[in-house]
Amino acid sequence: MADKFLSSLVGGGAGFRLAPDLTYPSSKVGSGNFTRIENIDASASLTTVLSLTGKFALSYLLIGNQIAETNRYVLTVDGVVIWDASRTAPTTEDFFLGFKGGTSAAADIVIECNTSILLQVKTATDIIIYVEYLARPLL
């Protein structure tokens, strides 16, 4: 039997390919190179706080300006619900993916999507949160 590499049996090795994004990083906020969506009121019901359509690699995700209360987080990638859980948010910033300024308690992973990413949040009472993210387009 001929020798085979493990990657040929289970896939992988190539990773994803970034699409041209000629305004990056000048289109991002400050030195963080992320996008911020501010003044979100997610207190009334499950609220869409991030919706991306297309092929992306999401490597940084943070929800900020929170108060310590129980919130619900639902993440859907390519039509499949990945997260649907409640937890008590820490005050100020809550890291879900990646790093900011060298600090994070989040997983150092990248979520890749082929068609869409949808993040929904329901806060108990908090009416002014923000979302920061870094999603690079893929080929």
C-alpha atoms as a PDB file:
ATOM      1  CA  MET A   1       0.000   0.000   0.000  1.00  0.00           C
ATOM      2  CA  ALA A   2       1.316   3.436  -0.897  1.00  0.00           C
ATOM      3  CA  ASP A   3       2.056   5.942   1.835  1.00  0.00           C
ATOM      4  CA  LYS A   4      -0.627   8.602   2.348  1.00  0.00           C
ATOM      5  CA  PHE A   5      -0.577  11.832   4.289  1.00  0.00           C
ATOM      6  CA  LEU A   6      -3.213  12.201   6.991  1.00  0.00           C
ATOM      7  CA  SER A   7      -4.373  15.462   5.392  1.00  0.00           C
ATOM      8  CA  SER A   8      -5.262  13.601   2.192  1.00  0.00           C
ATOM      9  CA  LEU A   9      -7.532  11.297   4.174  1.00  0.00           C
ATOM     10  CA  VAL A  10      -9.323  13.834   6.365  1.00  0.00           C
ATOM     11  CA  GLY A  11      -8.934  17.026   4.343  1.00  0.00           C
ATOM     12  CA  GLY A  12      -7.239  20.208   5.378  1.00  0.00           C
ATOM     13  CA  GLY A  13      -3.796  21.599   4.904  1.00  0.00           C
ATOM     14  CA  ALA A  14      -4.788  24.564   2.770  1.00  0.00           C
ATOM     15  CA  GLY A  15      -6.878  26.620   5.185  1.00  0.00           C
ATOM     16  CA  PHE A  16      -9.011  29.442   3.825  1.00  0.00           C
ATOM     17  CA  ARG A  17      -8.065  32.099   1.284  1.00  0.00           C
ATOM     18  CA  LEU A  18      -8.672  35.755   2.066  1.00  0.00           C
ATOM     19  CA  ALA A  19     -10.520  37.731  -0.594  1.00  0.00           C
ATOM     20  CA  PRO A  20      -9.236  41.155  -1.622  1.00  0.00           C
ATOM     21  CA  ASP A  21     -10.256  43.824   0.897  1.00  0.00           C
ATOM     22  CA  LEU A  22      -8.459  46.917  -0.367  1.00  0.00           C
ATOM     23  CA  THR A  23      -9.683  49.239   2.410  1.00  0.00           C
ATOM     24  CA  TYR A  24      -8.429  46.987   5.210  1.00  0.00           C
ATOM     25  CA  PRO A  25      -7.217  48.000   7.765  1.00  0.00           C
ATOM     26  CA  SER A  26      -7.958  51.698   7.177  1.00  0.00           C
ATOM     27  CA  SER A  27     -11.705  50.946   7.239  1.00  0.00           C
ATOM     28  CA  LYS A  28     -11.499  49.592  10.820  1.00  0.00           C
ATOM     29  CA  VAL A  29     -11.744  51.349  14.193  1.00  0.00           C
ATOM     30  CA  GLY A  30      -8.479  52.747  15.589  1.00  0.00           C
ATOM     31  CA  SER A  31      -5.611  50.370  16.143  1.00  0.00           C
ATOM     32  CA  GLY A  32      -7.955  47.457  16.868  1.00  0.00           C
ATOM     33  CA  ASN A  33      -8.741  46.782  13.197  1.00  0.00           C
ATOM     34  CA  PHE A  34     -12.297  45.770  14.076  1.00  0.00           C
ATOM     35  CA  THR A  35     -15.773  47.063  13.279  1.00  0.00           C
ATOM     36  CA  ARG A  36     -18.041  48.363  16.062  1.00  0.00           C
ATOM     37  CA  ILE A  37     -21.844  48.546  16.119  1.00  0.00           C
ATOM     38  CA  GLU A  38     -23.036  50.798  18.949  1.00  0.00           C
ATOM     39  CA  ASN A  39     -26.197  51.705  20.874  1.00  0.00           C
ATOM     40  CA  ILE A  40     -27.961  48.359  20.571  1.00  0.00           C
ATOM     41  CA  ASP A  41     -31.099  47.835  22.658  1.00  0.00           C
ATOM     42  CA  ALA A  42     -31.536  44.069  23.049  1.00  0.00           C
ATOM     43  CA  SER A  43     -33.793  44.235  26.112  1.00  0.00           C
ATOM     44  CA  ALA A  44     -37.194  43.697  24.499  1.00  0.00           C
ATOM     45  CA  SER A  45     -36.570  40.385  22.716  1.00  0.00           C
ATOM     46  CA  LEU A  46     -33.943  38.320  20.927  1.00  0.00           C
ATOM     47  CA  THR A  47     -32.278  41.021  18.799  1.00  0.00           C
ATOM     48  CA  THR A  48     -29.986  40.663  15.790  1.00  0.00           C
ATOM     49  CA  VAL A  49     -26.736  42.405  16.719  1.00  0.00           C
ATOM     50  CA  LEU A  50     -24.605  41.090  13.843  1.00  0.00           C
ATOM     51  CA  SER A  51     -25.676  39.796  10.435  1.00  0.00           C
ATOM     52  CA  LEU A  52     -23.193  39.011   7.677  1.00  0.00           C
ATOM     53  CA  THR A  53     -24.083  37.495   4.328  1.00  0.00           C
ATOM     54  CA  GLY A  54     -21.364  35.932   2.221  1.00  0.00           C
ATOM     55  CA  LYS A  55     -18.198  33.974   2.857  1.00  0.00           C
ATOM     56  CA  PHE A  56     -16.223  35.187   5.906  1.00  0.00           C
ATOM     57  CA  ALA A  57     -13.683  34.264   8.564  1.00  0.00           C
ATOM     58  CA  LEU A  58     -14.819  35.700  11.934  1.00  0.00           C
ATOM     59  CA  SER A  59     -11.799  35.897  14.242  1.00  0.00           C
ATOM     60  CA  TYR A  60     -12.797  38.484  16.853  1.00  0.00           C
ATOM     61  CA  LEU A  61     -16.140  38.982  18.609  1.00  0.00           C
ATOM     62  CA  LEU A  62     -16.845  41.037  21.709  1.00  0.00           C
ATOM     63  CA  ILE A  63     -20.000  42.421  23.315  1.00  0.00           C
ATOM     64  CA  GLY A  64     -19.412  45.474  25.460  1.00  0.00           C
ATOM     65  CA  ASN A  65     -21.038  48.003  27.764  1.00  0.00           C
ATOM     66  CA  GLN A  66     -22.963  45.259  29.545  1.00  0.00           C
ATOM     67  CA  ILE A  67     -24.163  45.081  33.101  1.00  0.00           C
ATOM     68  CA  ALA A  68     -23.887  41.912  35.213  1.00  0.00           C
ATOM     69  CA  GLU A  69     -27.164  40.203  34.321  1.00  0.00           C
ATOM     70  CA  THR A  70     -28.248  37.020  32.583  1.00  0.00           C
ATOM     71  CA  ASN A  71     -28.288  37.370  28.803  1.00  0.00           C
ATOM     72  CA  ARG A  72     -29.086  34.926  26.012  1.00  0.00           C
ATOM     73  CA  TYR A  73     -26.721  34.487  23.045  1.00  0.00           C
ATOM     74  CA  VAL A  74     -27.651  32.706  19.801  1.00  0.00           C
ATOM     75  CA  LEU A  75     -25.079  32.272  17.014  1.00  0.00           C
ATOM     76  CA  THR A  76     -26.169  30.818  13.684  1.00  0.00           C
ATOM     77  CA  VAL A  77     -23.588  29.949  11.012  1.00  0.00           C
ATOM     78  CA  ASP A  78     -24.719  28.899   7.529  1.00  0.00           C
ATOM     79  CA  GLY A  79     -28.230  28.250   8.864  1.00  0.00           C
ATOM     80  CA  VAL A  80     -27.059  26.003  11.735  1.00  0.00           C
ATOM     81  CA  VAL A  81     -27.460  27.179  15.338  1.00  0.00           C
ATOM     82  CA  ILE A  82     -24.002  26.906  16.917  1.00  0.00           C
ATOM     83  CA  TRP A  83     -24.685  28.624  20.269  1.00  0.00           C
ATOM     84  CA  ASP A  84     -27.984  29.043  22.110  1.00  0.00           C
ATOM     85  CA  ALA A  85     -27.228  29.648  25.753  1.00  0.00           C
ATOM     86  CA  SER A  86     -27.749  32.046  28.611  1.00  0.00           C
ATOM     87  CA  ARG A  87     -25.053  33.284  30.958  1.00  0.00           C
ATOM     88  CA  THR A  88     -24.369  36.085  33.365  1.00  0.00           C
ATOM     89  CA  ALA A  89     -22.441  38.726  31.506  1.00  0.00           C
ATOM     90  CA  PRO A  90     -19.403  40.286  33.114  1.00  0.00           C
ATOM     91  CA  THR A  91     -19.497  44.036  33.481  1.00  0.00           C
ATOM     92  CA  THR A  92     -18.055  46.023  30.577  1.00  0.00           C
ATOM     93  CA  GLU A  93     -16.618  43.680  27.913  1.00  0.00           C
ATOM     94  CA  ASP A  94     -17.401  40.027  27.183  1.00  0.00           C
ATOM     95  CA  PHE A  95     -14.981  38.299  24.778  1.00  0.00           C
ATOM     96  CA  PHE A  96     -16.392  35.491  22.640  1.00  0.00           C
ATOM     97  CA  LEU A  97     -13.587  35.152  20.067  1.00  0.00           C
ATOM     98  CA  GLY A  98     -10.103  36.542  19.697  1.00  0.00           C
ATOM     99  CA  PHE A  99      -8.031  39.148  21.451  1.00  0.00           C
ATOM    100  CA  LYS A 100      -8.044  42.900  22.011  1.00  0.00           C
ATOM    101  CA  GLY A 101      -4.945  44.672  23.221  1.00  0.00           C
ATOM    102  CA  GLY A 102      -3.335  41.371  24.159  1.00  0.00           C
ATOM    103  CA  THR A 103      -6.113  40.493  26.621  1.00  0.00           C
ATOM    104  CA  SER A 104      -8.880  37.943  26.279  1.00  0.00           C
ATOM    105  CA  ALA A 105     -10.541  35.090  28.062  1.00  0.00           C
ATOM    106  CA  ALA A 106     -12.041  33.943  24.768  1.00  0.00           C
ATOM    107  CA  ALA A 107     -11.181  31.056  22.536  1.00  0.00           C
ATOM    108  CA  ASP A 108      -8.467  31.725  19.996  1.00  0.00           C
ATOM    109  CA  ILE A 109     -10.448  30.237  17.117  1.00  0.00           C
ATOM    110  CA  VAL A 110     -11.787  31.386  13.770  1.00  0.00           C
ATOM    111  CA  ILE A 111     -15.356  30.734  12.669  1.00  0.00           C
ATOM    112  CA  GLU A 112     -15.618  30.288   8.912  1.00  0.00           C
ATOM    113  CA  CYS A 113     -18.933  30.652   7.091  1.00  0.00           C
ATOM    114  CA  ASN A 114     -19.927  29.981   3.502  1.00  0.00           C
ATOM    115  CA  THR A 115     -23.215  31.917   3.382  1.00  0.00           C
ATOM    116  CA  SER A 116     -24.063  33.731   6.628  1.00  0.00           C
ATOM    117  CA  ILE A 117     -23.318  34.565  10.250  1.00  0.00           C
ATOM    118  CA  LEU A 118     -26.115  35.741  12.537  1.00  0.00           C
ATOM    119  CA  LEU A 119     -25.635  36.732  16.183  1.00  0.00           C
ATOM    120  CA  GLN A 120     -28.682  37.464  18.324  1.00  0.00           C
ATOM    121  CA  VAL A 121     -28.714  38.691  21.923  1.00  0.00           C
ATOM    122  CA  LYS A 122     -31.430  39.130  24.542  1.00  0.00           C
ATOM    123  CA  THR A 123     -30.453  41.175  27.595  1.00  0.00           C
ATOM    124  CA  ALA A 124     -32.500  41.220  30.773  1.00  0.00           C
ATOM    125  CA  THR A 125     -32.638  45.030  31.043  1.00  0.00           C
ATOM    126  CA  ASP A 126     -29.519  46.468  29.381  1.00  0.00           C
ATOM    127  CA  ILE A 127     -30.473  48.940  26.640  1.00  0.00           C
ATOM    128  CA  ILE A 128     -27.103  50.214  25.361  1.00  0.00           C
ATOM    129  CA  ILE A 129     -24.623  47.486  24.376  1.00  0.00           C
ATOM    130  CA  TYR A 130     -22.155  47.352  21.506  1.00  0.00           C
ATOM    131  CA  VAL A 131     -20.649  44.618  19.340  1.00  0.00           C
ATOM    132  CA  GLU A 132     -17.102  44.596  18.021  1.00  0.00           C
ATOM    133  CA  TYR A 133     -16.030  42.086  15.385  1.00  0.00           C
ATOM    134  CA  LEU A 134     -13.430  41.303  12.776  1.00  0.00           C
ATOM    135  CA  ALA A 135     -14.738  39.357   9.785  1.00  0.00           C
ATOM    136  CA  ARG A 136     -12.528  39.100   6.732  1.00  0.00           C
ATOM    137  CA  PRO A 137     -14.105  38.198   3.353  1.00  0.00           C
ATOM    138  CA  LEU A 138     -13.004  34.897   1.836  1.00  0.00           C
ATOM    139  CA  LEU A 139     -12.668  33.632  -1.736  1.00  0.00           C
END
